[in-house]
Amino acid sequence: MAKSRKKELEELKLVLLDKRKKILEDLESLEQSSVESLEEISGDDADHASLEITQKSLTKLGTRQRKLLQKIDHALAKFEDDTYGICELTGEEIPIARLRARPEAQYTVEAKEELERKEKNFGGHSEDEDDLSLFEEGETSEE
């Protein structure tokens, strides 16, 4: 591995660690918000309906955050065996530009597109289809 690529990958490790820390903080905040919502409930139906909507939203956001956390943890684990930045489908190096845009990427763009085509042809449901919140945060749909 070229020295400059290795340095860039180490920088991406720091980015992943920072993202991981922020997600854990967000999940803790979501949990606290959920507890506070439950404590504030009064007895009328409107309050109960509002609480239910809030709880579902917090749960969905928490689920998305946990999925992203799993991807980040997977990427960080790949540093241990020097496979970070290597496409899990083709074995090719994932371009640094892609890793900068999405440090938890497991595949090259081409490999990911191929996987999505196969899923579509078999009528499969991608585990990432529910991750729309990621796109709202400026992420791409490539993972």
N, C-alpha and C. Protein backbone atom coordinates (compact mmCIF):
# COMPACT_ATOMS: atom_id res chain seq x y z
N MET A 1 0.86 -1.18 0.00
CA MET A 1 0.00 0.00 0.00
C MET A 1 0.90 1.24 0.00
N ALA A 2 0.57 2.18 -0.86
CA ALA A 2 1.35 3.41 -0.95
C ALA A 2 1.28 4.17 0.38
N LYS A 3 2.37 4.84 0.71
CA LYS A 3 2.46 5.55 1.99
C LYS A 3 1.37 6.63 2.11
N SER A 4 1.12 7.36 1.01
CA SER A 4 0.12 8.42 1.09
C SER A 4 -1.28 7.84 1.29
N ARG A 5 -1.58 6.68 0.67
CA ARG A 5 -2.90 6.05 0.87
C ARG A 5 -3.03 5.60 2.32
N LYS A 6 -1.97 5.03 2.87
CA LYS A 6 -2.02 4.57 4.25
C LYS A 6 -2.30 5.74 5.19
N LYS A 7 -1.65 6.87 4.93
CA LYS A 7 -1.88 8.07 5.76
C LYS A 7 -3.33 8.54 5.63
N GLU A 8 -3.85 8.53 4.40
CA GLU A 8 -5.24 8.95 4.18
C GLU A 8 -6.21 8.00 4.88
N LEU A 9 -5.91 6.71 4.86
CA LEU A 9 -6.78 5.75 5.53
C LEU A 9 -6.77 5.96 7.05
N GLU A 10 -5.62 6.28 7.58
CA GLU A 10 -5.53 6.56 9.02
C GLU A 10 -6.34 7.81 9.38
N GLU A 11 -6.33 8.80 8.50
CA GLU A 11 -7.15 9.99 8.73
C GLU A 11 -8.64 9.63 8.71
N LEU A 12 -9.00 8.71 7.82
CA LEU A 12 -10.40 8.28 7.74
C LEU A 12 -10.80 7.49 8.99
N LYS A 13 -9.85 6.80 9.58
CA LYS A 13 -10.13 6.09 10.83
C LYS A 13 -10.54 7.09 11.91
N LEU A 14 -9.85 8.22 11.95
CA LEU A 14 -10.20 9.26 12.92
C LEU A 14 -11.61 9.81 12.64
N VAL A 15 -11.93 9.95 11.36
CA VAL A 15 -13.27 10.41 10.98
C VAL A 15 -14.32 9.41 11.46
N LEU A 16 -14.04 8.13 11.25
CA LEU A 16 -14.97 7.08 11.68
C LEU A 16 -15.14 7.10 13.20
N LEU A 17 -14.05 7.24 13.90
CA LEU A 17 -14.13 7.29 15.38
C LEU A 17 -14.94 8.49 15.85
N ASP A 18 -14.78 9.62 15.17
CA ASP A 18 -15.55 10.81 15.51
C ASP A 18 -17.04 10.61 15.21
N LYS A 19 -17.35 10.03 14.05
CA LYS A 19 -18.75 9.75 13.70
C LYS A 19 -19.37 8.80 14.72
N ARG A 20 -18.59 7.80 15.13
CA ARG A 20 -19.07 6.82 16.11
C ARG A 20 -19.41 7.52 17.42
N LYS A 21 -18.52 8.38 17.87
CA LYS A 21 -18.73 9.11 19.12
C LYS A 21 -20.00 9.96 19.04
N LYS A 22 -20.18 10.66 17.91
CA LYS A 22 -21.37 11.51 17.76
C LYS A 22 -22.65 10.69 17.74
N ILE A 23 -22.62 9.54 17.08
CA ILE A 23 -23.82 8.69 17.04
C ILE A 23 -24.16 8.19 18.44
N LEU A 24 -23.16 7.77 19.19
CA LEU A 24 -23.41 7.31 20.56
C LEU A 24 -24.00 8.44 21.41
N GLU A 25 -23.51 9.65 21.21
CA GLU A 25 -24.07 10.80 21.93
C GLU A 25 -25.51 11.06 21.50
N ASP A 26 -25.77 10.96 20.19
CA ASP A 26 -27.13 11.15 19.68
C ASP A 26 -28.08 10.09 20.23
N LEU A 27 -27.63 8.83 20.27
CA LEU A 27 -28.48 7.77 20.80
C LEU A 27 -28.79 7.99 22.27
N GLU A 28 -27.81 8.44 23.02
CA GLU A 28 -28.03 8.74 24.43
C GLU A 28 -29.04 9.88 24.58
N SER A 29 -28.92 10.89 23.73
CA SER A 29 -29.85 12.01 23.76
C SER A 29 -31.27 11.56 23.39
N LEU A 30 -31.38 10.68 22.38
CA LEU A 30 -32.69 10.16 22.00
C LEU A 30 -33.33 9.38 23.14
N GLU A 31 -32.52 8.59 23.82
CA GLU A 31 -33.04 7.82 24.94
C GLU A 31 -33.54 8.76 26.03
N GLN A 32 -32.77 9.81 26.32
CA GLN A 32 -33.18 10.78 27.33
C GLN A 32 -34.47 11.49 26.92
N SER A 33 -34.58 11.85 25.65
CA SER A 33 -35.80 12.51 25.16
C SER A 33 -37.00 11.60 25.31
N SER A 34 -36.80 10.33 25.05
CA SER A 34 -37.87 9.36 25.17
C SER A 34 -38.35 9.26 26.61
N VAL A 35 -37.42 9.19 27.53
CA VAL A 35 -37.75 9.10 28.95
C VAL A 35 -38.49 10.36 29.39
N GLU A 36 -37.99 11.52 28.96
CA GLU A 36 -38.63 12.79 29.34
C GLU A 36 -40.05 12.87 28.79
N SER A 37 -40.26 12.40 27.56
CA SER A 37 -41.60 12.41 26.97
C SER A 37 -42.56 11.56 27.79
N LEU A 38 -42.09 10.41 28.21
CA LEU A 38 -42.94 9.54 29.02
C LEU A 38 -43.28 10.17 30.36
N GLU A 39 -42.35 10.91 30.92
CA GLU A 39 -42.58 11.54 32.22
C GLU A 39 -43.55 12.71 32.13
N GLU A 40 -43.66 13.33 30.96
CA GLU A 40 -44.50 14.53 30.81
C GLU A 40 -45.93 14.24 30.41
N ILE A 41 -46.26 12.99 30.18
CA ILE A 41 -47.59 12.68 29.67
C ILE A 41 -48.68 12.97 30.70
N SER A 42 -49.75 13.55 30.19
CA SER A 42 -50.93 13.76 31.03
C SER A 42 -51.98 12.76 30.57
N GLY A 43 -53.19 12.95 30.95
CA GLY A 43 -54.18 11.92 30.72
C GLY A 43 -55.02 12.01 29.46
N ASP A 44 -54.99 13.10 28.69
CA ASP A 44 -55.94 13.18 27.58
C ASP A 44 -55.44 12.46 26.33
N ASP A 45 -56.39 12.15 25.45
CA ASP A 45 -56.10 11.37 24.24
C ASP A 45 -55.13 12.08 23.30
N ALA A 46 -55.22 13.38 23.21
CA ALA A 46 -54.32 14.13 22.33
C ALA A 46 -52.86 13.98 22.79
N ASP A 47 -52.66 14.03 24.10
CA ASP A 47 -51.31 13.86 24.63
C ASP A 47 -50.79 12.45 24.35
N HIS A 48 -51.66 11.47 24.51
CA HIS A 48 -51.26 10.08 24.24
C HIS A 48 -50.90 9.89 22.77
N ALA A 49 -51.69 10.47 21.87
CA ALA A 49 -51.42 10.35 20.43
C ALA A 49 -50.11 11.04 20.07
N SER A 50 -49.91 12.22 20.63
CA SER A 50 -48.69 12.96 20.38
C SER A 50 -47.46 12.19 20.88
N LEU A 51 -47.59 11.61 22.06
CA LEU A 51 -46.50 10.83 22.63
C LEU A 51 -46.19 9.62 21.75
N GLU A 52 -47.22 8.96 21.26
CA GLU A 52 -47.02 7.78 20.41
C GLU A 52 -46.26 8.15 19.14
N ILE A 53 -46.63 9.26 18.53
CA ILE A 53 -45.94 9.72 17.32
C ILE A 53 -44.48 10.05 17.63
N THR A 54 -44.27 10.75 18.73
CA THR A 54 -42.91 11.10 19.13
C THR A 54 -42.08 9.86 19.39
N GLN A 55 -42.64 8.89 20.10
CA GLN A 55 -41.92 7.66 20.41
C GLN A 55 -41.57 6.89 19.14
N LYS A 56 -42.49 6.82 18.18
CA LYS A 56 -42.22 6.12 16.92
C LYS A 56 -41.11 6.82 16.14
N SER A 57 -41.14 8.14 16.13
CA SER A 57 -40.10 8.90 15.43
C SER A 57 -38.74 8.68 16.07
N LEU A 58 -38.70 8.71 17.39
CA LEU A 58 -37.44 8.50 18.11
C LEU A 58 -36.93 7.08 17.87
N THR A 59 -37.83 6.12 17.87
CA THR A 59 -37.43 4.72 17.63
C THR A 59 -36.86 4.55 16.23
N LYS A 60 -37.53 5.14 15.24
CA LYS A 60 -37.06 5.02 13.85
C LYS A 60 -35.69 5.69 13.69
N LEU A 61 -35.54 6.87 14.26
CA LEU A 61 -34.26 7.56 14.17
C LEU A 61 -33.18 6.76 14.88
N GLY A 62 -33.51 6.21 16.04
CA GLY A 62 -32.56 5.40 16.78
C GLY A 62 -32.15 4.16 16.01
N THR A 63 -33.10 3.53 15.33
CA THR A 63 -32.81 2.34 14.52
C THR A 63 -31.85 2.69 13.39
N ARG A 64 -32.09 3.79 12.74
CA ARG A 64 -31.20 4.22 11.65
C ARG A 64 -29.80 4.52 12.17
N GLN A 65 -29.74 5.18 13.32
CA GLN A 65 -28.45 5.50 13.91
C GLN A 65 -27.70 4.23 14.29
N ARG A 66 -28.41 3.24 14.83
CA ARG A 66 -27.77 1.98 15.21
C ARG A 66 -27.26 1.23 13.98
N LYS A 67 -28.00 1.28 12.87
CA LYS A 67 -27.54 0.64 11.64
C LYS A 67 -26.25 1.30 11.15
N LEU A 68 -26.22 2.61 11.19
CA LEU A 68 -25.01 3.31 10.78
C LEU A 68 -23.86 3.00 11.73
N LEU A 69 -24.16 2.91 13.01
CA LEU A 69 -23.14 2.56 13.99
C LEU A 69 -22.55 1.18 13.70
N GLN A 70 -23.40 0.24 13.32
CA GLN A 70 -22.91 -1.10 12.96
C GLN A 70 -21.97 -1.04 11.76
N LYS A 71 -22.32 -0.23 10.78
CA LYS A 71 -21.45 -0.09 9.59
C LYS A 71 -20.11 0.54 9.97
N ILE A 72 -20.17 1.52 10.84
CA ILE A 72 -18.93 2.18 11.29
C ILE A 72 -18.07 1.19 12.06
N ASP A 73 -18.69 0.43 12.96
CA ASP A 73 -17.94 -0.57 13.73
C ASP A 73 -17.33 -1.61 12.80
N HIS A 74 -18.05 -2.01 11.78
CA HIS A 74 -17.53 -2.96 10.79
C HIS A 74 -16.31 -2.37 10.08
N ALA A 75 -16.42 -1.12 9.68
CA ALA A 75 -15.30 -0.45 9.01
C ALA A 75 -14.10 -0.35 9.94
N LEU A 76 -14.33 0.01 11.19
CA LEU A 76 -13.22 0.13 12.14
C LEU A 76 -12.55 -1.23 12.39
N ALA A 77 -13.34 -2.29 12.41
CA ALA A 77 -12.78 -3.63 12.61
C ALA A 77 -11.86 -4.02 11.45
N LYS A 78 -12.15 -3.49 10.27
CA LYS A 78 -11.33 -3.82 9.10
C LYS A 78 -9.93 -3.22 9.20
N PHE A 79 -9.75 -2.22 10.05
CA PHE A 79 -8.41 -1.68 10.26
C PHE A 79 -7.52 -2.71 10.95
N GLU A 80 -8.13 -3.56 11.76
CA GLU A 80 -7.37 -4.56 12.52
C GLU A 80 -6.67 -5.57 11.61
N ASP A 81 -7.30 -5.92 10.50
CA ASP A 81 -6.69 -6.90 9.60
C ASP A 81 -6.25 -6.28 8.26
N ASP A 82 -6.09 -4.97 8.28
CA ASP A 82 -5.61 -4.23 7.10
C ASP A 82 -6.46 -4.44 5.86
N THR A 83 -7.78 -4.57 6.04
CA THR A 83 -8.66 -4.70 4.88
C THR A 83 -9.55 -3.48 4.69
N TYR A 84 -9.36 -2.46 5.54
CA TYR A 84 -10.16 -1.24 5.36
C TYR A 84 -9.79 -0.62 4.02
N GLY A 85 -10.81 -0.18 3.28
CA GLY A 85 -10.59 0.45 1.98
C GLY A 85 -10.51 -0.54 0.84
N ILE A 86 -10.78 -1.82 1.13
CA ILE A 86 -10.79 -2.86 0.11
C ILE A 86 -12.24 -3.30 -0.10
N CYS A 87 -12.67 -3.33 -1.34
CA CYS A 87 -14.04 -3.73 -1.67
C CYS A 87 -14.28 -5.17 -1.24
N GLU A 88 -15.35 -5.39 -0.52
CA GLU A 88 -15.68 -6.72 -0.02
C GLU A 88 -16.20 -7.65 -1.11
N LEU A 89 -16.53 -7.11 -2.26
CA LEU A 89 -17.02 -7.94 -3.37
C LEU A 89 -15.90 -8.26 -4.36
N THR A 90 -15.13 -7.25 -4.72
CA THR A 90 -14.14 -7.43 -5.79
C THR A 90 -12.71 -7.55 -5.30
N GLY A 91 -12.45 -7.10 -4.09
CA GLY A 91 -11.08 -7.11 -3.58
C GLY A 91 -10.24 -5.94 -4.08
N GLU A 92 -10.84 -5.05 -4.84
CA GLU A 92 -10.15 -3.85 -5.35
C GLU A 92 -10.12 -2.77 -4.27
N GLU A 93 -9.16 -1.86 -4.42
CA GLU A 93 -9.13 -0.71 -3.51
C GLU A 93 -10.32 0.19 -3.79
N ILE A 94 -10.97 0.64 -2.74
CA ILE A 94 -12.04 1.63 -2.87
C ILE A 94 -11.35 2.99 -2.98
N PRO A 95 -11.71 3.78 -4.00
CA PRO A 95 -11.06 5.08 -4.17
C PRO A 95 -11.19 5.96 -2.92
N ILE A 96 -10.13 6.68 -2.64
CA ILE A 96 -10.11 7.57 -1.47
C ILE A 96 -11.26 8.58 -1.52
N ALA A 97 -11.57 9.09 -2.70
CA ALA A 97 -12.67 10.06 -2.81
C ALA A 97 -13.98 9.46 -2.30
N ARG A 98 -14.21 8.20 -2.61
CA ARG A 98 -15.43 7.54 -2.13
C ARG A 98 -15.38 7.36 -0.61
N LEU A 99 -14.23 6.96 -0.10
CA LEU A 99 -14.10 6.78 1.34
C LEU A 99 -14.23 8.09 2.09
N ARG A 100 -13.77 9.17 1.49
CA ARG A 100 -13.94 10.48 2.14
C ARG A 100 -15.42 10.84 2.21
N ALA A 101 -16.14 10.54 1.14
CA ALA A 101 -17.57 10.86 1.10
C ALA A 101 -18.36 9.93 2.02
N ARG A 102 -17.91 8.69 2.13
CA ARG A 102 -18.62 7.68 2.91
C ARG A 102 -17.61 6.73 3.52
N PRO A 103 -17.01 7.11 4.65
CA PRO A 103 -15.91 6.33 5.22
C PRO A 103 -16.28 4.90 5.60
N GLU A 104 -17.57 4.62 5.79
CA GLU A 104 -17.98 3.27 6.15
C GLU A 104 -18.29 2.40 4.93
N ALA A 105 -17.97 2.90 3.73
CA ALA A 105 -18.24 2.16 2.49
C ALA A 105 -17.56 0.80 2.50
N GLN A 106 -18.30 -0.21 2.06
CA GLN A 106 -17.78 -1.57 1.99
C GLN A 106 -17.43 -1.98 0.56
N TYR A 107 -17.93 -1.21 -0.40
CA TYR A 107 -17.81 -1.59 -1.80
C TYR A 107 -17.40 -0.39 -2.66
N THR A 108 -16.80 -0.68 -3.80
CA THR A 108 -16.62 0.36 -4.80
C THR A 108 -18.00 0.73 -5.32
N VAL A 109 -18.11 1.86 -5.97
CA VAL A 109 -19.39 2.27 -6.52
C VAL A 109 -19.91 1.23 -7.51
N GLU A 110 -19.02 0.75 -8.36
CA GLU A 110 -19.42 -0.23 -9.37
C GLU A 110 -19.93 -1.52 -8.73
N ALA A 111 -19.25 -2.00 -7.70
CA ALA A 111 -19.68 -3.22 -7.02
C ALA A 111 -21.03 -3.01 -6.33
N LYS A 112 -21.21 -1.86 -5.70
CA LYS A 112 -22.47 -1.57 -5.03
C LYS A 112 -23.61 -1.49 -6.04
N GLU A 113 -23.35 -0.86 -7.17
CA GLU A 113 -24.38 -0.80 -8.22
C GLU A 113 -24.74 -2.19 -8.71
N GLU A 114 -23.75 -3.06 -8.86
CA GLU A 114 -24.00 -4.44 -9.29
C GLU A 114 -24.84 -5.18 -8.26
N LEU A 115 -24.53 -5.03 -6.99
CA LEU A 115 -25.32 -5.65 -5.94
C LEU A 115 -26.77 -5.16 -5.98
N GLU A 116 -26.94 -3.85 -6.17
CA GLU A 116 -28.30 -3.29 -6.22
C GLU A 116 -29.06 -3.80 -7.43
N ARG A 117 -28.39 -3.96 -8.57
CA ARG A 117 -29.04 -4.52 -9.77
C ARG A 117 -29.50 -5.95 -9.48
N LYS A 118 -28.65 -6.73 -8.86
CA LYS A 118 -29.02 -8.12 -8.54
C LYS A 118 -30.18 -8.16 -7.58
N GLU A 119 -30.18 -7.31 -6.56
CA GLU A 119 -31.30 -7.26 -5.62
C GLU A 119 -32.59 -6.89 -6.33
N LYS A 120 -32.49 -5.94 -7.23
CA LYS A 120 -33.68 -5.50 -7.97
C LYS A 120 -34.21 -6.62 -8.86
N ASN A 121 -33.30 -7.32 -9.53
CA ASN A 121 -33.70 -8.41 -10.42
C ASN A 121 -34.35 -9.56 -9.66
N PHE A 122 -33.94 -9.78 -8.43
CA PHE A 122 -34.50 -10.86 -7.64
C PHE A 122 -35.62 -10.38 -6.74
N GLY A 123 -35.97 -9.11 -6.87
CA GLY A 123 -37.06 -8.57 -6.05
C GLY A 123 -36.72 -8.49 -4.59
N GLY A 124 -35.43 -8.43 -4.31
CA GLY A 124 -34.97 -8.39 -2.92
C GLY A 124 -35.19 -7.03 -2.31
N HIS A 125 -35.20 -7.01 -1.01
CA HIS A 125 -35.34 -5.77 -0.24
C HIS A 125 -33.98 -5.44 0.34
N SER A 126 -33.43 -4.33 -0.07
CA SER A 126 -32.14 -3.91 0.44
C SER A 126 -32.28 -3.48 1.89
N GLU A 127 -31.33 -3.90 2.73
CA GLU A 127 -31.37 -3.50 4.13
C GLU A 127 -31.21 -2.00 4.28
N ASP A 128 -30.72 -1.33 3.24
CA ASP A 128 -30.46 0.09 3.33
C ASP A 128 -31.64 0.94 2.85
N GLU A 129 -32.70 0.31 2.35
CA GLU A 129 -33.82 1.08 1.83
C GLU A 129 -34.48 1.93 2.91
N ASP A 130 -34.37 1.50 4.15
CA ASP A 130 -34.99 2.24 5.24
C ASP A 130 -34.11 3.37 5.76
N ASP A 131 -32.91 3.52 5.22
CA ASP A 131 -31.96 4.49 5.74
C ASP A 131 -32.09 5.86 5.07
N LEU A 132 -33.32 6.30 4.85
CA LEU A 132 -33.53 7.57 4.17
C LEU A 132 -32.98 8.75 4.95
N SER A 133 -32.90 8.63 6.26
CA SER A 133 -32.38 9.74 7.06
C SER A 133 -30.93 10.03 6.71
N LEU A 134 -30.21 9.03 6.25
CA LEU A 134 -28.82 9.25 5.87
C LEU A 134 -28.74 10.21 4.70
N PHE A 135 -29.69 10.08 3.76
CA PHE A 135 -29.68 10.95 2.59
C PHE A 135 -30.01 12.38 2.98
N GLU A 136 -30.86 12.53 3.98
CA GLU A 136 -31.23 13.86 4.43
C GLU A 136 -30.04 14.58 5.04
N GLU A 137 -29.04 13.81 5.50
CA GLU A 137 -27.87 14.41 6.13
C GLU A 137 -26.76 14.63 5.11
N GLY A 138 -27.09 14.56 3.81
CA GLY A 138 -26.10 14.84 2.78
C GLY A 138 -25.32 13.63 2.34
N GLU A 139 -25.71 12.44 2.76
CA GLU A 139 -25.01 11.24 2.34
C GLU A 139 -25.53 10.83 0.97
N THR A 140 -24.79 9.97 0.32
CA THR A 140 -25.23 9.45 -0.96
C THR A 140 -25.91 8.12 -0.76
N SER A 141 -26.54 7.62 -1.79
CA SER A 141 -27.26 6.35 -1.68
C SER A 141 -26.39 5.17 -2.06
N GLU A 142 -25.10 5.34 -2.06
CA GLU A 142 -24.21 4.31 -2.56
C GLU A 142 -23.99 3.18 -1.58
N GLU A 143 -24.35 3.29 -0.35
CA GLU A 143 -24.20 2.21 0.63
C GLU A 143 -25.51 1.96 1.29
